[in-house]
Amino acid sequence: MAAGSIFPTTTKAGATVVGPAAIRAIKQLVSVPVAAIGGINAGNIGSVIEAGAELACVISAAVAADDVEAACREMVRRIRESSAKNQ
């Protein structure tokens, strides 16, 4: 299940921003994995994982980066860091 737009995004004009709290609310209602989408980047990716999302969907934070590989590696590092907090 996808939840979003979690943060403001330029990818989907007019998307309603629901914030990480929406992930917490959804997780209480469903038993399937939740993917966070919308405005996710290295600076906020940890918060969606800490809120309970199993997946984080990114577009601009990866493909618009000067160094795509470095940007993705940093997001993976932050996901792992945040996942460890949830354990």
N, C-alpha and C. Protein backbone atom coordinates (compact mmCIF):
# COMPACT_ATOMS: atom_id res chain seq x y z
N MET A 1 0.85 -1.15 0.00
CA MET A 1 0.00 0.00 0.00
C MET A 1 0.90 1.22 0.00
N ALA A 2 0.56 2.21 -0.80
CA ALA A 2 1.32 3.46 -0.86
C ALA A 2 0.62 4.55 -0.07
N ALA A 3 1.41 5.33 0.65
CA ALA A 3 0.88 6.46 1.42
C ALA A 3 1.60 7.73 1.00
N GLY A 4 0.84 8.75 0.67
CA GLY A 4 1.48 10.01 0.30
C GLY A 4 0.47 10.95 -0.31
N SER A 5 0.90 12.07 -0.55
CA SER A 5 2.25 12.59 -0.53
C SER A 5 2.66 12.90 0.92
N ILE A 6 3.74 12.29 1.35
CA ILE A 6 4.19 12.48 2.72
C ILE A 6 4.72 13.90 2.92
N PHE A 7 5.48 14.39 1.96
CA PHE A 7 6.05 15.74 2.01
C PHE A 7 5.70 16.46 0.70
N PRO A 8 5.86 17.77 0.67
CA PRO A 8 5.62 18.50 -0.59
C PRO A 8 6.51 17.93 -1.71
N THR A 9 5.94 17.85 -2.90
CA THR A 9 6.67 17.29 -4.03
C THR A 9 6.40 18.09 -5.30
N THR A 10 7.40 18.13 -6.15
CA THR A 10 7.22 18.79 -7.45
C THR A 10 6.83 17.77 -8.51
N THR A 11 6.88 16.50 -8.18
CA THR A 11 6.58 15.45 -9.14
C THR A 11 5.09 15.36 -9.45
N LYS A 12 4.26 15.58 -8.43
CA LYS A 12 2.82 15.48 -8.62
C LYS A 12 2.16 16.76 -8.12
N ALA A 13 1.92 17.67 -9.04
CA ALA A 13 1.32 18.95 -8.68
C ALA A 13 -0.05 18.75 -8.03
N GLY A 14 -0.29 19.50 -6.97
CA GLY A 14 -1.59 19.45 -6.33
C GLY A 14 -1.78 18.32 -5.34
N ALA A 15 -0.74 17.53 -5.11
CA ALA A 15 -0.86 16.41 -4.16
C ALA A 15 -1.07 16.95 -2.74
N THR A 16 -1.93 16.31 -2.00
CA THR A 16 -2.18 16.68 -0.61
C THR A 16 -1.06 16.12 0.25
N VAL A 17 -0.45 16.95 1.06
CA VAL A 17 0.63 16.52 1.95
C VAL A 17 0.01 15.99 3.23
N VAL A 18 0.35 14.74 3.59
CA VAL A 18 -0.24 14.11 4.76
C VAL A 18 0.73 13.92 5.91
N GLY A 19 2.02 13.99 5.66
CA GLY A 19 3.02 13.87 6.72
C GLY A 19 3.22 12.45 7.20
N PRO A 20 4.32 12.21 7.94
CA PRO A 20 4.63 10.88 8.45
C PRO A 20 3.57 10.31 9.39
N ALA A 21 2.79 11.17 10.03
CA ALA A 21 1.74 10.68 10.92
C ALA A 21 0.74 9.80 10.18
N ALA A 22 0.54 10.05 8.90
CA ALA A 22 -0.37 9.23 8.11
C ALA A 22 0.13 7.79 8.03
N ILE A 23 1.42 7.62 7.98
CA ILE A 23 1.98 6.26 7.93
C ILE A 23 1.64 5.53 9.22
N ARG A 24 1.84 6.20 10.34
CA ARG A 24 1.52 5.57 11.64
C ARG A 24 0.05 5.15 11.70
N ALA A 25 -0.83 6.03 11.23
CA ALA A 25 -2.27 5.74 11.25
C ALA A 25 -2.60 4.56 10.34
N ILE A 26 -2.02 4.54 9.16
CA ILE A 26 -2.28 3.45 8.22
C ILE A 26 -1.76 2.12 8.78
N LYS A 27 -0.59 2.15 9.38
CA LYS A 27 0.00 0.92 9.92
C LYS A 27 -0.88 0.29 10.99
N GLN A 28 -1.67 1.08 11.69
CA GLN A 28 -2.57 0.54 12.70
C GLN A 28 -3.77 -0.16 12.08
N LEU A 29 -4.03 0.12 10.79
CA LEU A 29 -5.23 -0.40 10.14
C LEU A 29 -4.97 -1.55 9.17
N VAL A 30 -3.73 -1.70 8.72
CA VAL A 30 -3.43 -2.72 7.71
C VAL A 30 -2.29 -3.63 8.16
N SER A 31 -2.24 -4.80 7.54
CA SER A 31 -1.16 -5.74 7.86
C SER A 31 -0.26 -5.99 6.65
N VAL A 32 -0.34 -5.12 5.66
CA VAL A 32 0.50 -5.23 4.46
C VAL A 32 1.60 -4.17 4.54
N PRO A 33 2.68 -4.37 3.81
CA PRO A 33 3.74 -3.36 3.80
C PRO A 33 3.23 -2.01 3.28
N VAL A 34 3.76 -0.94 3.86
CA VAL A 34 3.38 0.41 3.45
C VAL A 34 4.59 1.10 2.82
N ALA A 35 4.37 1.68 1.66
CA ALA A 35 5.40 2.45 0.95
C ALA A 35 5.08 3.93 1.08
N ALA A 36 6.04 4.70 1.54
CA ALA A 36 5.88 6.15 1.63
C ALA A 36 6.31 6.76 0.30
N ILE A 37 5.56 7.75 -0.16
CA ILE A 37 5.87 8.39 -1.43
C ILE A 37 5.55 9.88 -1.33
N GLY A 38 6.34 10.66 -2.04
CA GLY A 38 6.08 12.08 -2.14
C GLY A 38 7.06 12.95 -1.37
N GLY A 39 7.96 13.59 -2.08
CA GLY A 39 8.87 14.55 -1.48
C GLY A 39 9.94 13.95 -0.58
N ILE A 40 10.19 12.67 -0.73
CA ILE A 40 11.15 11.99 0.14
C ILE A 40 12.57 12.21 -0.39
N ASN A 41 13.46 12.54 0.54
CA ASN A 41 14.86 12.77 0.21
C ASN A 41 15.74 12.30 1.37
N ALA A 42 17.04 12.49 1.25
CA ALA A 42 17.95 12.01 2.29
C ALA A 42 17.69 12.68 3.64
N GLY A 43 17.20 13.90 3.61
CA GLY A 43 16.96 14.61 4.85
C GLY A 43 15.74 14.16 5.63
N ASN A 44 14.80 13.49 4.96
CA ASN A 44 13.57 13.08 5.66
C ASN A 44 13.23 11.60 5.51
N ILE A 45 14.06 10.86 4.79
CA ILE A 45 13.75 9.45 4.55
C ILE A 45 13.70 8.65 5.84
N GLY A 46 14.54 9.02 6.79
CA GLY A 46 14.55 8.32 8.08
C GLY A 46 13.22 8.44 8.81
N SER A 47 12.59 9.59 8.69
CA SER A 47 11.34 9.80 9.42
C SER A 47 10.21 8.91 8.91
N VAL A 48 10.20 8.58 7.62
CA VAL A 48 9.14 7.70 7.12
C VAL A 48 9.38 6.25 7.54
N ILE A 49 10.64 5.87 7.64
CA ILE A 49 10.96 4.52 8.12
C ILE A 49 10.63 4.43 9.60
N GLU A 50 11.00 5.44 10.36
CA GLU A 50 10.70 5.46 11.79
C GLU A 50 9.21 5.49 12.05
N ALA A 51 8.44 6.06 11.12
CA ALA A 51 6.98 6.09 11.25
C ALA A 51 6.34 4.74 10.94
N GLY A 52 7.13 3.82 10.35
CA GLY A 52 6.61 2.48 10.10
C GLY A 52 6.59 2.04 8.65
N ALA A 53 6.95 2.92 7.73
CA ALA A 53 6.97 2.51 6.31
C ALA A 53 8.07 1.47 6.09
N GLU A 54 7.73 0.44 5.34
CA GLU A 54 8.73 -0.56 4.98
C GLU A 54 9.51 -0.16 3.74
N LEU A 55 8.92 0.73 2.95
CA LEU A 55 9.52 1.16 1.69
C LEU A 55 9.42 2.67 1.58
N ALA A 56 10.39 3.26 0.87
CA ALA A 56 10.35 4.69 0.58
C ALA A 56 10.60 4.87 -0.90
N CYS A 57 9.68 5.53 -1.57
CA CYS A 57 9.80 5.77 -3.01
C CYS A 57 10.38 7.16 -3.25
N VAL A 58 11.43 7.22 -4.05
CA VAL A 58 12.04 8.50 -4.36
C VAL A 58 12.21 8.64 -5.87
N ILE A 59 12.14 9.86 -6.32
CA ILE A 59 12.42 10.16 -7.73
C ILE A 59 13.49 11.23 -7.78
N SER A 60 13.09 12.47 -7.51
CA SER A 60 14.01 13.60 -7.64
C SER A 60 15.24 13.47 -6.77
N ALA A 61 15.09 12.97 -5.56
CA ALA A 61 16.24 12.85 -4.66
C ALA A 61 17.33 11.96 -5.23
N ALA A 62 16.95 11.09 -6.14
CA ALA A 62 17.94 10.21 -6.78
C ALA A 62 18.33 10.74 -8.15
N VAL A 63 17.38 10.88 -9.04
CA VAL A 63 17.72 11.17 -10.43
C VAL A 63 18.16 12.61 -10.68
N ALA A 64 17.82 13.53 -9.78
CA ALA A 64 18.24 14.91 -9.95
C ALA A 64 19.55 15.21 -9.23
N ALA A 65 20.09 14.23 -8.53
CA ALA A 65 21.34 14.44 -7.80
C ALA A 65 22.52 14.52 -8.76
N ASP A 66 23.51 15.31 -8.39
CA ASP A 66 24.73 15.40 -9.19
C ASP A 66 25.42 14.04 -9.26
N ASP A 67 25.40 13.33 -8.16
CA ASP A 67 25.99 11.99 -8.09
C ASP A 67 24.89 11.03 -7.64
N VAL A 68 24.23 10.41 -8.60
CA VAL A 68 23.09 9.54 -8.32
C VAL A 68 23.48 8.41 -7.38
N GLU A 69 24.59 7.77 -7.65
CA GLU A 69 25.01 6.65 -6.80
C GLU A 69 25.24 7.09 -5.36
N ALA A 70 25.94 8.20 -5.17
CA ALA A 70 26.19 8.70 -3.82
C ALA A 70 24.89 9.06 -3.11
N ALA A 71 23.96 9.68 -3.83
CA ALA A 71 22.68 10.06 -3.24
C ALA A 71 21.91 8.82 -2.79
N CYS A 72 21.91 7.80 -3.62
CA CYS A 72 21.19 6.56 -3.28
C CYS A 72 21.87 5.84 -2.12
N ARG A 73 23.18 5.81 -2.12
CA ARG A 73 23.90 5.17 -1.02
C ARG A 73 23.61 5.88 0.31
N GLU A 74 23.54 7.20 0.27
CA GLU A 74 23.23 7.95 1.49
C GLU A 74 21.81 7.66 1.97
N MET A 75 20.87 7.57 1.06
CA MET A 75 19.50 7.24 1.47
C MET A 75 19.42 5.84 2.04
N VAL A 76 20.12 4.90 1.44
CA VAL A 76 20.15 3.53 1.97
C VAL A 76 20.76 3.52 3.37
N ARG A 77 21.83 4.28 3.57
CA ARG A 77 22.47 4.35 4.89
C ARG A 77 21.47 4.87 5.93
N ARG A 78 20.73 5.90 5.55
CA ARG A 78 19.76 6.48 6.49
C ARG A 78 18.57 5.55 6.74
N ILE A 79 18.17 4.81 5.73
CA ILE A 79 17.11 3.81 5.92
C ILE A 79 17.57 2.76 6.92
N ARG A 80 18.77 2.26 6.73
CA ARG A 80 19.30 1.22 7.64
C ARG A 80 19.42 1.75 9.06
N GLU A 81 19.89 2.98 9.19
CA GLU A 81 20.02 3.61 10.49
C GLU A 81 18.66 3.73 11.19
N SER A 82 17.68 4.17 10.45
CA SER A 82 16.33 4.33 11.00
C SER A 82 15.66 2.99 11.27
N SER A 83 15.91 2.00 10.42
CA SER A 83 15.35 0.67 10.63
C SER A 83 15.88 0.06 11.92
N ALA A 84 17.14 0.31 12.22
CA ALA A 84 17.73 -0.21 13.45
C ALA A 84 17.05 0.39 14.68
N LYS A 85 16.60 1.63 14.58
CA LYS A 85 15.89 2.27 15.70
C LYS A 85 14.55 1.62 15.95
N ASN A 86 13.94 1.06 14.91
CA ASN A 86 12.61 0.44 15.01
C ASN A 86 12.67 -0.97 15.59
N GLN A 87 13.85 -1.52 15.71
CA GLN A 87 13.96 -2.92 16.15
C GLN A 87 13.88 -3.05 17.65
